[in-house]
Amino acid sequence: MSFLIIFARRFVAGEELIEAVPAIKTLNEKGIMVTFDHLGENVSSEEMAKAAADSYLEILDVIQKEKLNSNVSLKLTQMGLDLGDDFCLQNVERIVSKAKENNNFVRIDMEGSAYTQRTLDITYKLFEKYGNVGVVIQAMLLRSEDDIKELNRRGIRVRLCKGAYKEPESVAFQKKEQVNENYIKLMKMLLLEGNYPGIATHDEKIIGECKRFSQENKIENSRFEFQMLYGIRRDLQVSLVKEGYNMRVYVPYGKEWFPYFYRRLRERKENVFFVLKNFFKG
């Protein structure tokens, strides 16, 4: 347990909202934008789901009050997806509506493949009504190319990540090389036809390919952003900003850091190696 606490303090900005705000201000001072995440997933009651949504309304107020350069990211299972799609949609709509009033943006995180289509369906409905909603696509999933084609067609902003969940061969690439190859393919689709995509990676080879491809195709830096996790490759985050690229950092906080952190480490051995490797970098 003490081992996890030491690591979590590096990658989680605190248990309370008030603890996380200074971390965001520090990032903003370095020219780094933020997406704010209140940790939690798979709630078991409507009361818990409504309380989670209320916490995001508070976050949006704090962003406005403190003039933070930040939007928010959330998981639909935290908002009650396991309790029903209609309930979840109505609960998340409170957040999206508030963000719209504040001229802010809501990113819907992607969870395990069992939730992929339901997550996209809710994203489509919210985007059609409000417009200030984006979603996450995981390069490891076999379906992601078709999903990105549809998201590009609709003009919905995508954060592209590799994917942290353990998935069966029937729905996902199993080899790291396959995931990387698909990531680059999807990244190029987003850069050419997407709406301000978030290239979420710490992989310097992929970052280099993104730079090369965007320059070769005369895609201005203002048309996309790089995204990284809080506490990982802080040196690289700063250097990309100095090079003139948009950088956004995913900043999680909350009391649910232990299940969040432990589950990610337990699900895939690659996650353990990734955290250990980056703990001593930057």
Protein backbone atom coordinates (compact mmCIF):
# COMPACT_ATOMS: atom_id res chain seq x y z
CA MET A 1 0.00 0.00 0.00
CA SER A 2 2.78 2.47 0.91
CA PHE A 3 4.41 1.69 -2.46
CA LEU A 4 1.23 2.73 -4.28
CA ILE A 5 0.83 5.89 -2.20
CA ILE A 6 4.33 7.05 -3.18
CA PHE A 7 3.61 6.48 -6.85
CA ALA A 8 0.09 7.90 -6.72
CA ARG A 9 1.33 11.20 -5.28
CA ARG A 10 3.37 11.63 -8.46
CA PHE A 11 0.47 10.90 -10.82
CA VAL A 12 -2.62 12.13 -8.92
CA ALA A 13 -2.98 15.82 -7.98
CA GLY A 14 -4.60 15.21 -4.57
CA GLU A 15 -7.72 13.84 -2.94
CA GLU A 16 -9.65 17.12 -2.79
CA LEU A 17 -10.41 19.72 -5.44
CA ILE A 18 -8.64 22.44 -3.47
CA GLU A 19 -5.41 20.37 -3.58
CA ALA A 20 -5.55 19.99 -7.37
CA VAL A 21 -6.02 23.67 -8.25
CA PRO A 22 -2.41 24.72 -7.49
CA ALA A 23 -1.13 21.90 -9.70
CA ILE A 24 -3.23 23.20 -12.59
CA LYS A 25 -2.08 26.77 -12.03
CA THR A 26 1.54 25.61 -12.14
CA LEU A 27 0.94 23.84 -15.44
CA ASN A 28 -0.88 26.87 -16.88
CA GLU A 29 2.06 29.09 -15.92
CA LYS A 30 4.23 26.87 -18.11
CA GLY A 31 1.89 27.34 -21.06
CA ILE A 32 0.28 23.93 -20.59
CA MET A 33 -3.49 23.44 -20.82
CA VAL A 34 -5.30 20.92 -18.63
CA THR A 35 -8.19 18.52 -18.65
CA PHE A 36 -9.53 18.00 -15.12
CA ASP A 37 -10.70 14.52 -14.04
CA HIS A 38 -12.47 13.63 -10.78
CA LEU A 39 -11.59 9.98 -10.27
CA GLY A 40 -14.35 7.42 -10.10
CA GLU A 41 -16.08 4.74 -12.15
CA ASN A 42 -18.79 2.05 -12.03
CA VAL A 43 -20.99 3.64 -9.37
CA SER A 44 -23.71 1.42 -7.95
CA SER A 45 -26.52 3.90 -7.20
CA GLU A 46 -28.22 6.92 -8.70
CA GLU A 47 -27.28 8.93 -5.63
CA MET A 48 -23.58 8.25 -6.21
CA ALA A 49 -23.91 9.12 -9.90
CA LYS A 50 -25.69 12.40 -9.15
CA ALA A 51 -23.06 13.29 -6.54
CA ALA A 52 -20.32 12.64 -9.11
CA ALA A 53 -22.05 14.95 -11.59
CA ASP A 54 -22.41 17.59 -8.86
CA SER A 55 -18.65 17.42 -8.29
CA TYR A 56 -18.12 18.31 -11.95
CA LEU A 57 -20.46 21.28 -11.67
CA GLU A 58 -18.24 22.44 -8.81
CA ILE A 59 -15.11 21.88 -10.92
CA LEU A 60 -16.54 23.99 -13.74
CA ASP A 61 -17.29 26.78 -11.26
CA VAL A 62 -13.73 26.62 -9.91
CA ILE A 63 -12.26 26.71 -13.41
CA GLN A 64 -14.33 29.82 -14.11
CA LYS A 65 -13.57 31.51 -10.79
CA GLU A 66 -9.83 30.76 -10.81
CA LYS A 67 -9.51 31.49 -14.55
CA LEU A 68 -7.87 28.13 -15.17
CA ASN A 69 -7.02 27.05 -18.70
CA SER A 70 -8.77 23.72 -18.29
CA ASN A 71 -11.67 21.65 -19.53
CA VAL A 72 -13.01 18.44 -17.93
CA SER A 73 -12.89 14.71 -18.63
CA LEU A 74 -15.31 12.16 -17.21
CA LYS A 75 -16.23 8.48 -17.36
CA LEU A 76 -19.79 7.47 -18.11
CA THR A 77 -19.79 4.58 -15.62
CA GLN A 78 -19.10 7.22 -12.96
CA MET A 79 -22.21 9.01 -14.21
CA GLY A 80 -24.43 5.92 -13.93
CA LEU A 81 -24.06 4.10 -17.25
CA ASP A 82 -24.43 0.76 -15.47
CA LEU A 83 -27.79 2.01 -14.17
CA GLY A 84 -29.16 2.79 -17.62
CA ASP A 85 -28.31 4.83 -20.70
CA ASP A 86 -31.18 7.32 -20.31
CA PHE A 87 -30.34 8.06 -16.69
CA CYS A 88 -26.65 8.48 -17.55
CA LEU A 89 -27.43 10.78 -20.47
CA GLN A 90 -29.60 13.05 -18.33
CA ASN A 91 -26.97 13.13 -15.58
CA VAL A 92 -24.10 14.01 -17.94
CA GLU A 93 -26.28 16.57 -19.71
CA ARG A 94 -26.25 18.67 -16.54
CA ILE A 95 -22.46 18.92 -16.83
CA VAL A 96 -22.40 19.57 -20.57
CA SER A 97 -25.06 22.27 -20.26
CA LYS A 98 -23.11 23.98 -17.48
CA ALA A 99 -19.89 23.76 -19.50
CA LYS A 100 -21.70 25.30 -22.46
CA GLU A 101 -22.79 28.24 -20.30
CA ASN A 102 -19.16 28.67 -19.20
CA ASN A 103 -17.82 28.39 -22.75
CA ASN A 104 -16.03 25.20 -21.74
CA PHE A 105 -15.67 21.67 -23.09
CA VAL A 106 -16.38 18.12 -21.84
CA ARG A 107 -14.34 15.10 -22.90
CA ILE A 108 -15.99 11.71 -22.45
CA ASP A 109 -13.38 9.09 -21.60
CA MET A 110 -13.52 5.65 -23.18
CA GLU A 111 -13.64 2.62 -20.92
CA GLY A 112 -13.59 -1.12 -21.65
CA SER A 113 -14.83 -2.37 -25.02
CA ALA A 114 -18.16 -3.50 -23.54
CA TYR A 115 -19.00 0.21 -23.17
CA THR A 116 -17.64 1.50 -26.49
CA GLN A 117 -20.81 1.72 -28.56
CA ARG A 118 -22.95 3.00 -25.68
CA THR A 119 -20.34 5.68 -24.97
CA LEU A 120 -20.33 6.78 -28.60
CA ASP A 121 -24.13 6.81 -28.78
CA ILE A 122 -24.36 9.14 -25.77
CA THR A 123 -21.56 11.31 -27.18
CA TYR A 124 -23.46 11.66 -30.48
CA LYS A 125 -26.63 12.76 -28.71
CA LEU A 126 -24.88 15.30 -26.53
CA PHE A 127 -22.84 16.68 -29.42
CA GLU A 128 -25.91 17.13 -31.59
CA LYS A 129 -27.60 19.17 -28.86
CA TYR A 130 -24.67 21.12 -27.38
CA GLY A 131 -21.58 20.82 -29.60
CA ASN A 132 -19.04 21.17 -26.75
CA VAL A 133 -18.42 17.44 -26.34
CA GLY A 134 -15.60 15.19 -27.46
CA VAL A 135 -14.66 11.56 -26.90
CA VAL A 136 -11.69 9.21 -26.62
CA ILE A 137 -10.79 6.48 -29.12
CA GLN A 138 -8.40 3.63 -28.31
CA ALA A 139 -5.99 2.58 -31.04
CA MET A 140 -5.84 -0.97 -29.72
CA LEU A 141 -9.45 -1.70 -30.72
CA LEU A 142 -10.10 -3.22 -34.15
CA ARG A 143 -13.20 -1.06 -34.64
CA SER A 144 -11.46 2.27 -34.08
CA GLU A 145 -10.76 3.10 -37.73
CA ASP A 146 -14.48 2.97 -38.55
CA ASP A 147 -15.31 4.94 -35.40
CA ILE A 148 -12.86 7.69 -36.32
CA LYS A 149 -14.30 7.92 -39.82
CA GLU A 150 -17.74 8.52 -38.30
CA LEU A 151 -16.46 10.96 -35.67
CA ASN A 152 -14.57 12.93 -38.33
CA ARG A 153 -17.70 13.00 -40.47
CA ARG A 154 -19.69 14.44 -37.56
CA GLY A 155 -16.96 16.93 -36.62
CA ILE A 156 -16.55 15.56 -33.09
CA ARG A 157 -13.22 16.17 -31.36
CA VAL A 158 -11.25 12.99 -30.59
CA ARG A 159 -8.51 12.25 -28.10
CA LEU A 160 -6.53 9.33 -29.52
CA CYS A 161 -4.85 7.03 -27.00
CA LYS A 162 -3.40 3.53 -27.22
CA GLY A 163 -5.74 1.99 -24.63
CA ALA A 164 -5.06 0.74 -21.10
CA TYR A 165 -7.62 -2.08 -20.76
CA LYS A 166 -6.96 -5.76 -21.26
CA GLU A 167 -9.09 -6.80 -24.22
CA PRO A 168 -9.58 -10.13 -26.04
CA GLU A 169 -8.10 -10.87 -29.45
CA SER A 170 -11.59 -10.78 -30.95
CA VAL A 171 -11.82 -7.00 -30.44
CA ALA A 172 -8.28 -5.70 -30.01
CA PHE A 173 -4.74 -5.89 -31.32
CA GLN A 174 -2.60 -7.91 -28.91
CA LYS A 175 0.92 -6.88 -29.92
CA LYS A 176 2.50 -3.55 -29.06
CA GLU A 177 3.78 -3.15 -32.61
CA GLN A 178 0.27 -3.60 -34.02
CA VAL A 179 -1.16 -1.01 -31.63
CA ASN A 180 1.57 1.50 -32.51
CA GLU A 181 1.06 0.94 -36.23
CA ASN A 182 -2.69 1.46 -35.90
CA TYR A 183 -2.16 4.51 -33.69
CA ILE A 184 -0.08 6.21 -36.37
CA LYS A 185 -2.65 5.32 -39.04
CA LEU A 186 -5.52 6.76 -36.98
CA MET A 187 -3.45 9.81 -35.99
CA LYS A 188 -2.92 10.68 -39.64
CA MET A 189 -6.67 10.33 -40.32
CA LEU A 190 -7.38 12.74 -37.48
CA LEU A 191 -4.73 15.24 -38.51
CA LEU A 192 -6.01 15.33 -42.07
CA GLU A 193 -9.76 15.23 -41.48
CA GLY A 194 -10.45 15.58 -37.75
CA ASN A 195 -11.64 18.49 -35.64
CA TYR A 196 -8.73 19.62 -33.44
CA PRO A 197 -7.63 16.12 -32.34
CA GLY A 198 -5.76 15.37 -29.13
CA ILE A 199 -2.69 13.21 -29.83
CA ALA A 200 -2.40 11.52 -26.44
CA THR A 201 0.94 9.76 -26.18
CA HIS A 202 4.28 9.81 -24.36
CA ASP A 203 5.94 7.83 -27.15
CA GLU A 204 8.66 10.05 -28.62
CA LYS A 205 8.73 8.10 -31.88
CA ILE A 206 5.02 8.70 -32.42
CA ILE A 207 5.39 12.35 -31.42
CA GLY A 208 8.18 12.68 -33.96
CA GLU A 209 6.02 11.10 -36.64
CA CYS A 210 3.18 13.48 -35.79
CA LYS A 211 5.51 16.45 -36.17
CA ARG A 212 6.89 15.16 -39.47
CA PHE A 213 3.48 14.32 -40.95
CA SER A 214 1.89 17.61 -39.92
CA GLN A 215 4.78 19.64 -41.36
CA GLU A 216 4.84 17.60 -44.56
CA ASN A 217 1.11 18.15 -45.05
CA LYS A 218 1.19 21.81 -43.99
CA ILE A 219 -1.03 21.18 -40.97
CA GLU A 220 -0.60 24.13 -38.61
CA ASN A 221 0.20 23.51 -34.94
CA SER A 222 -3.04 25.28 -34.00
CA ARG A 223 -5.08 22.45 -35.56
CA PHE A 224 -4.16 19.80 -32.99
CA GLU A 225 -2.70 19.32 -29.54
CA PHE A 226 -0.48 16.81 -27.78
CA GLN A 227 -1.81 15.32 -24.55
CA MET A 228 -0.02 13.58 -21.68
CA LEU A 229 -0.75 12.32 -18.20
CA TYR A 230 -0.02 14.33 -15.07
CA GLY A 231 3.43 13.55 -13.66
CA ILE A 232 4.70 11.71 -16.73
CA ARG A 233 7.40 13.16 -19.00
CA ARG A 234 7.11 16.64 -17.56
CA ASP A 235 10.33 17.53 -19.36
CA LEU A 236 8.82 16.55 -22.71
CA GLN A 237 5.64 18.50 -21.99
CA VAL A 238 7.60 21.71 -21.47
CA SER A 239 9.87 21.16 -24.47
CA LEU A 240 6.89 20.69 -26.82
CA VAL A 241 5.38 23.96 -25.59
CA LYS A 242 8.69 25.72 -26.25
CA GLU A 243 8.64 24.30 -29.78
CA GLY A 244 5.28 25.98 -30.36
CA TYR A 245 2.97 22.97 -29.98
CA ASN A 246 -0.27 22.93 -28.01
CA MET A 247 0.05 20.72 -24.92
CA ARG A 248 -2.70 19.53 -22.58
CA VAL A 249 -2.16 17.45 -19.43
CA TYR A 250 -4.75 15.07 -17.97
CA VAL A 251 -4.91 15.89 -14.24
CA PRO A 252 -6.80 13.40 -12.03
CA TYR A 253 -7.75 13.99 -8.40
CA GLY A 254 -10.03 12.37 -5.84
CA LYS A 255 -10.34 9.81 -3.06
CA GLU A 256 -10.80 7.02 -5.60
CA TRP A 257 -7.12 7.11 -6.56
CA PHE A 258 -6.41 3.64 -5.15
CA PRO A 259 -8.90 1.63 -7.29
CA TYR A 260 -7.98 3.81 -10.29
CA PHE A 261 -4.28 3.25 -9.88
CA TYR A 262 -4.37 -0.36 -8.72
CA ARG A 263 -6.77 -1.49 -11.43
CA ARG A 264 -4.64 0.03 -14.19
CA LEU A 265 -1.52 -1.67 -12.84
CA ARG A 266 -3.30 -5.01 -12.42
CA GLU A 267 -5.03 -5.08 -15.79
CA ARG A 268 -1.97 -5.10 -18.04
CA LYS A 269 1.70 -5.72 -17.25
CA GLU A 270 2.57 -3.00 -19.79
CA ASN A 271 0.98 -0.45 -17.45
CA VAL A 272 3.33 -1.43 -14.62
CA PHE A 273 6.40 -1.11 -16.84
CA PHE A 274 5.14 2.22 -18.19
CA VAL A 275 4.69 3.74 -14.72
CA LEU A 276 8.00 2.43 -13.40
CA LYS A 277 9.88 3.65 -16.47
CA ASN A 278 8.41 7.13 -16.29
CA PHE A 279 8.62 7.61 -12.52
CA PHE A 280 12.28 8.50 -12.85
CA LYS A 281 11.93 10.60 -16.02
CA GLY A 282 11.40 14.35 -16.03
